[in-house]
Amino acid sequence: MDKHYGELIVDIARKTITEWVKTGKKFEPKNYPMEFAEKRGVFTTLHTYPDGMLRGCIGYPEPIFPLVRALVESAISATRDPRFPPLSKGELGRITIEVSVLTKPQLIKVKNPKEYLAKIDLGKDGLIIEKGPFRGLLLPQVPAEWEWDRETFLANLCQKASLPTDYWLSKDVKIYKFQAEIFAEETPNGPVKKVEKA
């Protein structure tokens, strides 16, 4: 997607969040490009401004909804991330919005779990881990933000799924990778940039 589409995506997320926080009503986008009707996974991330602290991040890893619907739903959910208090009206001018549009997750096939290390493109791949009812996801930009190596990335992925940090070495887990196009406001309600990954 080009920067123009990225600006539209972030604009829809901003309008959705504003409408929801102010009125409790769901914003309904109209006259969007036909590409937005394609099923895509998407995550909406909120950061406080100017310190950049996480304020909410919720989304859909799988392409189960058209992009425009997944975007609206994830933007609303990000305002109610259970790790934080619900977003207030007074915070609308003090957050920046980042939207990640995902590719379909692909299972990483290995014979030996240590092969995962060679099959992860750090900074470009996001990861999902599954073991029975346990599931965790980390977006591609997270290891770059925290300066993690591959082992630390996998350990934190396990932790996200409430599994022991070395559980990625177990043969009974499934690990998937995906990529993302990331668009983010530089300032609250300000210019949108395409985030270039490492």
C-alpha atoms as a PDB file:
ATOM      1  CA  MET A   1       0.000   0.000   0.000  1.00  0.00           C
ATOM      2  CA  ASP A   2       1.262   3.482  -0.769  1.00  0.00           C
ATOM      3  CA  LYS A   3       1.434   6.436   1.609  1.00  0.00           C
ATOM      4  CA  HIS A   4      -1.926   7.779   0.374  1.00  0.00           C
ATOM      5  CA  TYR A   5      -3.671   4.560   1.452  1.00  0.00           C
ATOM      6  CA  GLY A   6      -1.762   4.705   4.721  1.00  0.00           C
ATOM      7  CA  GLU A   7      -3.060   8.214   5.374  1.00  0.00           C
ATOM      8  CA  LEU A   8      -6.627   7.026   4.689  1.00  0.00           C
ATOM      9  CA  ILE A   9      -6.200   4.038   7.007  1.00  0.00           C
ATOM     10  CA  VAL A  10      -4.903   6.153   9.882  1.00  0.00           C
ATOM     11  CA  ASP A  11      -7.600   8.771   9.226  1.00  0.00           C
ATOM     12  CA  ILE A  12     -10.311   6.101   9.550  1.00  0.00           C
ATOM     13  CA  ALA A  13      -8.724   4.860  12.776  1.00  0.00           C
ATOM     14  CA  ARG A  14      -8.543   8.422  14.185  1.00  0.00           C
ATOM     15  CA  LYS A  15     -12.181   9.172  13.261  1.00  0.00           C
ATOM     16  CA  THR A  16     -13.312   5.834  14.704  1.00  0.00           C
ATOM     17  CA  ILE A  17     -11.512   6.416  18.000  1.00  0.00           C
ATOM     18  CA  THR A  18     -12.757  10.014  18.294  1.00  0.00           C
ATOM     19  CA  GLU A  19     -16.371   9.048  17.564  1.00  0.00           C
ATOM     20  CA  TRP A  20     -16.287   6.104  19.946  1.00  0.00           C
ATOM     21  CA  VAL A  21     -14.678   7.953  22.863  1.00  0.00           C
ATOM     22  CA  LYS A  22     -16.896  11.039  22.481  1.00  0.00           C
ATOM     23  CA  THR A  23     -20.272   9.417  21.710  1.00  0.00           C
ATOM     24  CA  GLY A  24     -19.982   5.642  22.139  1.00  0.00           C
ATOM     25  CA  LYS A  25     -21.097   5.263  18.510  1.00  0.00           C
ATOM     26  CA  LYS A  26     -19.322   3.277  15.821  1.00  0.00           C
ATOM     27  CA  PHE A  27     -17.904   5.300  12.920  1.00  0.00           C
ATOM     28  CA  GLU A  28     -18.969   3.955   9.513  1.00  0.00           C
ATOM     29  CA  PRO A  29     -16.452   4.782   6.756  1.00  0.00           C
ATOM     30  CA  LYS A  30     -17.826   5.553   3.313  1.00  0.00           C
ATOM     31  CA  ASN A  31     -16.249   5.962  -0.148  1.00  0.00           C
ATOM     32  CA  TYR A  32     -13.112   3.987   0.650  1.00  0.00           C
ATOM     33  CA  PRO A  33     -10.920   2.285  -2.009  1.00  0.00           C
ATOM     34  CA  MET A  34     -11.959  -1.206  -3.113  1.00  0.00           C
ATOM     35  CA  GLU A  35      -8.695  -2.553  -1.637  1.00  0.00           C
ATOM     36  CA  PHE A  36     -10.142  -1.796   1.792  1.00  0.00           C
ATOM     37  CA  ALA A  37     -12.834  -4.438   1.144  1.00  0.00           C
ATOM     38  CA  GLU A  38     -10.191  -7.187   0.930  1.00  0.00           C
ATOM     39  CA  LYS A  39      -9.847  -9.386   4.001  1.00  0.00           C
ATOM     40  CA  ARG A  40      -6.706  -8.440   5.947  1.00  0.00           C
ATOM     41  CA  GLY A  41      -5.365  -8.776   9.437  1.00  0.00           C
ATOM     42  CA  VAL A  42      -4.841  -5.425  11.152  1.00  0.00           C
ATOM     43  CA  PHE A  43      -3.657  -3.996  14.483  1.00  0.00           C
ATOM     44  CA  THR A  44      -4.256  -0.520  15.888  1.00  0.00           C
ATOM     45  CA  THR A  45      -1.660   0.752  18.352  1.00  0.00           C
ATOM     46  CA  LEU A  46      -1.991   3.875  20.505  1.00  0.00           C
ATOM     47  CA  HIS A  47       1.011   5.697  21.987  1.00  0.00           C
ATOM     48  CA  THR A  48       1.062   8.599  24.394  1.00  0.00           C
ATOM     49  CA  TYR A  49       2.625  11.781  23.000  1.00  0.00           C
ATOM     50  CA  PRO A  50       5.366  12.929  23.202  1.00  0.00           C
ATOM     51  CA  ASP A  51       6.886  10.135  25.319  1.00  0.00           C
ATOM     52  CA  GLY A  52       5.766   7.296  23.026  1.00  0.00           C
ATOM     53  CA  MET A  53       4.556   4.971  25.788  1.00  0.00           C
ATOM     54  CA  LEU A  54       2.136   2.210  24.789  1.00  0.00           C
ATOM     55  CA  ARG A  55      -1.500   3.154  25.512  1.00  0.00           C
ATOM     56  CA  GLY A  56      -3.295   0.291  23.771  1.00  0.00           C
ATOM     57  CA  CYS A  57      -2.799  -2.304  21.036  1.00  0.00           C
ATOM     58  CA  ILE A  58      -5.492  -4.664  19.770  1.00  0.00           C
ATOM     59  CA  GLY A  59      -6.152  -6.295  16.422  1.00  0.00           C
ATOM     60  CA  TYR A  60      -6.914  -9.258  14.235  1.00  0.00           C
ATOM     61  CA  PRO A  61      -3.988 -11.466  13.203  1.00  0.00           C
ATOM     62  CA  GLU A  62      -6.000 -13.429  10.650  1.00  0.00           C
ATOM     63  CA  PRO A  63      -7.673 -12.014   7.508  1.00  0.00           C
ATOM     64  CA  ILE A  64     -11.215 -12.838   8.676  1.00  0.00           C
ATOM     65  CA  PHE A  65     -12.821  -9.425   8.032  1.00  0.00           C
ATOM     66  CA  PRO A  66     -12.598  -6.855   5.241  1.00  0.00           C
ATOM     67  CA  LEU A  67      -9.802  -4.408   6.091  1.00  0.00           C
ATOM     68  CA  VAL A  68     -12.198  -1.521   6.710  1.00  0.00           C
ATOM     69  CA  ARG A  69     -14.248  -3.511   9.244  1.00  0.00           C
ATOM     70  CA  ALA A  70     -11.192  -5.001  10.968  1.00  0.00           C
ATOM     71  CA  LEU A  71      -9.750  -1.486  11.188  1.00  0.00           C
ATOM     72  CA  VAL A  72     -12.840   0.009  12.841  1.00  0.00           C
ATOM     73  CA  GLU A  73     -13.169  -2.897  15.286  1.00  0.00           C
ATOM     74  CA  SER A  74      -9.470  -2.898  16.220  1.00  0.00           C
ATOM     75  CA  ALA A  75      -9.417   0.898  16.666  1.00  0.00           C
ATOM     76  CA  ILE A  76     -12.364   0.714  19.086  1.00  0.00           C
ATOM     77  CA  SER A  77     -10.810  -2.229  20.937  1.00  0.00           C
ATOM     78  CA  ALA A  78      -7.489  -0.381  21.292  1.00  0.00           C
ATOM     79  CA  THR A  79      -9.298   2.304  23.339  1.00  0.00           C
ATOM     80  CA  ARG A  80     -10.372  -0.459  25.728  1.00  0.00           C
ATOM     81  CA  ASP A  81      -7.188  -2.517  25.935  1.00  0.00           C
ATOM     82  CA  PRO A  82      -7.639  -4.388  29.252  1.00  0.00           C
ATOM     83  CA  ARG A  83      -4.053  -3.567  30.263  1.00  0.00           C
ATOM     84  CA  PHE A  84      -4.981   0.118  30.587  1.00  0.00           C
ATOM     85  CA  PRO A  85      -7.903   2.288  31.723  1.00  0.00           C
ATOM     86  CA  PRO A  86     -10.360   3.124  28.888  1.00  0.00           C
ATOM     87  CA  LEU A  87      -9.170   6.041  26.746  1.00  0.00           C
ATOM     88  CA  SER A  88     -10.738   9.338  27.853  1.00  0.00           C
ATOM     89  CA  LYS A  89     -11.850  12.350  25.793  1.00  0.00           C
ATOM     90  CA  GLY A  90      -9.055  14.409  27.314  1.00  0.00           C
ATOM     91  CA  GLU A  91      -6.457  12.016  25.901  1.00  0.00           C
ATOM     92  CA  LEU A  92      -7.567  12.273  22.261  1.00  0.00           C
ATOM     93  CA  GLY A  93      -5.153  15.141  21.606  1.00  0.00           C
ATOM     94  CA  ARG A  94      -2.321  13.392  23.469  1.00  0.00           C
ATOM     95  CA  ILE A  95      -2.085  10.091  21.588  1.00  0.00           C
ATOM     96  CA  THR A  96      -0.626   9.082  18.256  1.00  0.00           C
ATOM     97  CA  ILE A  97      -2.161   6.282  16.211  1.00  0.00           C
ATOM     98  CA  GLU A  98      -0.259   3.546  14.409  1.00  0.00           C
ATOM     99  CA  VAL A  99      -1.919   0.982  12.138  1.00  0.00           C
ATOM    100  CA  SER A 100      -0.267  -2.270  11.012  1.00  0.00           C
ATOM    101  CA  VAL A 101      -1.818  -4.048   8.006  1.00  0.00           C
ATOM    102  CA  LEU A 102      -0.739  -7.691   8.073  1.00  0.00           C
ATOM    103  CA  THR A 103       0.001 -10.404   5.566  1.00  0.00           C
ATOM    104  CA  LYS A 104      -1.557 -13.824   6.188  1.00  0.00           C
ATOM    105  CA  PRO A 105       0.415 -15.745   8.861  1.00  0.00           C
ATOM    106  CA  GLN A 106       2.509 -18.631   7.489  1.00  0.00           C
ATOM    107  CA  LEU A 107       3.566 -21.624   9.559  1.00  0.00           C
ATOM    108  CA  ILE A 108       7.355 -21.807  10.007  1.00  0.00           C
ATOM    109  CA  LYS A 109       8.320 -25.424   9.307  1.00  0.00           C
ATOM    110  CA  VAL A 110      11.318 -26.808  11.199  1.00  0.00           C
ATOM    111  CA  LYS A 111      12.702 -30.228  12.087  1.00  0.00           C
ATOM    112  CA  ASN A 112      14.644 -28.862  15.028  1.00  0.00           C
ATOM    113  CA  PRO A 113      13.238 -25.890  17.002  1.00  0.00           C
ATOM    114  CA  LYS A 114      16.665 -24.190  16.961  1.00  0.00           C
ATOM    115  CA  GLU A 115      16.088 -23.674  13.224  1.00  0.00           C
ATOM    116  CA  TYR A 116      13.583 -20.928  14.106  1.00  0.00           C
ATOM    117  CA  LEU A 117      16.512 -18.582  14.739  1.00  0.00           C
ATOM    118  CA  ALA A 118      17.644 -18.780  11.102  1.00  0.00           C
ATOM    119  CA  LYS A 119      14.116 -18.457   9.729  1.00  0.00           C
ATOM    120  CA  ILE A 120      13.132 -15.189  11.411  1.00  0.00           C
ATOM    121  CA  ASP A 121      13.897 -11.939   9.589  1.00  0.00           C
ATOM    122  CA  LEU A 122      14.326  -9.636  12.558  1.00  0.00           C
ATOM    123  CA  GLY A 123      12.546  -6.319  12.068  1.00  0.00           C
ATOM    124  CA  LYS A 124      10.458  -7.628   9.161  1.00  0.00           C
ATOM    125  CA  ASP A 125       8.687 -10.678  10.631  1.00  0.00           C
ATOM    126  CA  GLY A 126       6.021 -10.618  13.293  1.00  0.00           C
ATOM    127  CA  LEU A 127       5.424 -13.885  15.143  1.00  0.00           C
ATOM    128  CA  ILE A 128       2.514 -15.899  16.523  1.00  0.00           C
ATOM    129  CA  ILE A 129       2.985 -18.879  18.831  1.00  0.00           C
ATOM    130  CA  GLU A 130       0.309 -21.507  19.513  1.00  0.00           C
ATOM    131  CA  LYS A 131       0.143 -24.349  22.015  1.00  0.00           C
ATOM    132  CA  GLY A 132      -3.343 -25.679  22.727  1.00  0.00           C
ATOM    133  CA  PRO A 133      -5.389 -22.797  24.182  1.00  0.00           C
ATOM    134  CA  PHE A 134      -2.275 -20.623  24.590  1.00  0.00           C
ATOM    135  CA  ARG A 135      -1.555 -18.041  21.900  1.00  0.00           C
ATOM    136  CA  GLY A 136       0.683 -15.002  21.718  1.00  0.00           C
ATOM    137  CA  LEU A 137       1.524 -12.442  19.041  1.00  0.00           C
ATOM    138  CA  LEU A 138       4.207  -9.797  18.658  1.00  0.00           C
ATOM    139  CA  LEU A 139       4.268  -7.316  15.764  1.00  0.00           C
ATOM    140  CA  PRO A 140       7.420  -6.940  13.606  1.00  0.00           C
ATOM    141  CA  GLN A 141       8.242  -3.509  15.016  1.00  0.00           C
ATOM    142  CA  VAL A 142       8.412  -4.711  18.645  1.00  0.00           C
ATOM    143  CA  PRO A 143      11.902  -6.319  18.668  1.00  0.00           C
ATOM    144  CA  ALA A 144      13.362  -3.246  16.959  1.00  0.00           C
ATOM    145  CA  GLU A 145      11.781  -0.936  19.551  1.00  0.00           C
ATOM    146  CA  TRP A 146      13.261  -3.012  22.390  1.00  0.00           C
ATOM    147  CA  GLU A 147      16.522  -3.943  20.614  1.00  0.00           C
ATOM    148  CA  TRP A 148      15.895  -7.660  21.014  1.00  0.00           C
ATOM    149  CA  ASP A 149      17.830 -10.423  19.308  1.00  0.00           C
ATOM    150  CA  ARG A 150      15.973 -13.456  17.906  1.00  0.00           C
ATOM    151  CA  GLU A 151      16.158 -15.516  21.104  1.00  0.00           C
ATOM    152  CA  THR A 152      14.833 -12.628  23.189  1.00  0.00           C
ATOM    153  CA  PHE A 153      12.051 -12.096  20.629  1.00  0.00           C
ATOM    154  CA  LEU A 154      11.024 -15.758  20.915  1.00  0.00           C
ATOM    155  CA  ALA A 155      11.265 -15.704  24.730  1.00  0.00           C
ATOM    156  CA  ASN A 156       8.988 -12.649  24.914  1.00  0.00           C
ATOM    157  CA  LEU A 157       6.610 -14.262  22.413  1.00  0.00           C
ATOM    158  CA  CYS A 158       6.290 -17.272  24.746  1.00  0.00           C
ATOM    159  CA  GLN A 159       5.730 -14.944  27.697  1.00  0.00           C
ATOM    160  CA  LYS A 160       2.960 -13.167  25.753  1.00  0.00           C
ATOM    161  CA  ALA A 161       1.231 -16.558  25.402  1.00  0.00           C
ATOM    162  CA  SER A 162       1.655 -17.277  29.145  1.00  0.00           C
ATOM    163  CA  LEU A 163       4.143 -20.035  28.346  1.00  0.00           C
ATOM    164  CA  PRO A 164       7.635 -20.541  29.838  1.00  0.00           C
ATOM    165  CA  THR A 165      10.158 -18.326  28.050  1.00  0.00           C
ATOM    166  CA  ASP A 166      12.046 -21.286  26.533  1.00  0.00           C
ATOM    167  CA  TYR A 167       8.912 -23.046  25.294  1.00  0.00           C
ATOM    168  CA  TRP A 168       9.721 -22.162  21.680  1.00  0.00           C
ATOM    169  CA  LEU A 169      12.299 -24.970  21.898  1.00  0.00           C
ATOM    170  CA  SER A 170       9.481 -27.471  22.434  1.00  0.00           C
ATOM    171  CA  LYS A 171       8.464 -29.599  19.450  1.00  0.00           C
ATOM    172  CA  ASP A 172       4.740 -29.343  20.211  1.00  0.00           C
ATOM    173  CA  VAL A 173       4.324 -25.623  19.494  1.00  0.00           C
ATOM    174  CA  LYS A 174       3.416 -23.954  16.235  1.00  0.00           C
ATOM    175  CA  ILE A 175       5.094 -20.677  15.298  1.00  0.00           C
ATOM    176  CA  TYR A 176       3.835 -18.556  12.426  1.00  0.00           C
ATOM    177  CA  LYS A 177       5.383 -15.485  10.845  1.00  0.00           C
ATOM    178  CA  PHE A 178       3.806 -12.558   9.039  1.00  0.00           C
ATOM    179  CA  GLN A 179       4.835  -9.157   7.730  1.00  0.00           C
ATOM    180  CA  ALA A 180       3.181  -5.778   8.153  1.00  0.00           C
ATOM    181  CA  GLU A 181       2.888  -2.417   6.458  1.00  0.00           C
ATOM    182  CA  ILE A 182       2.931   0.145   9.220  1.00  0.00           C
ATOM    183  CA  PHE A 183       1.549   3.680   9.066  1.00  0.00           C
ATOM    184  CA  ALA A 184       1.763   6.090  11.985  1.00  0.00           C
ATOM    185  CA  GLU A 185       0.969   9.666  12.967  1.00  0.00           C
ATOM    186  CA  GLU A 186       4.086  11.685  13.731  1.00  0.00           C
ATOM    187  CA  THR A 187       2.121  13.927  16.118  1.00  0.00           C
ATOM    188  CA  PRO A 188      -1.480  13.680  17.414  1.00  0.00           C
ATOM    189  CA  ASN A 189      -3.756  14.082  14.368  1.00  0.00           C
ATOM    190  CA  GLY A 190      -0.661  15.145  12.424  1.00  0.00           C
ATOM    191  CA  PRO A 191       1.205  13.951   9.305  1.00  0.00           C
ATOM    192  CA  VAL A 192       1.281  10.209   8.633  1.00  0.00           C
ATOM    193  CA  LYS A 193       4.493   8.382   7.792  1.00  0.00           C
ATOM    194  CA  LYS A 194       5.096   4.868   6.515  1.00  0.00           C
ATOM    195  CA  VAL A 195       7.260   3.189   9.117  1.00  0.00           C
ATOM    196  CA  GLU A 196      10.284   1.609   7.493  1.00  0.00           C
ATOM    197  CA  LYS A 197      11.361  -1.547   9.267  1.00  0.00           C
ATOM    198  CA  ALA A 198      14.932  -2.581   9.911  1.00  0.00           C
END
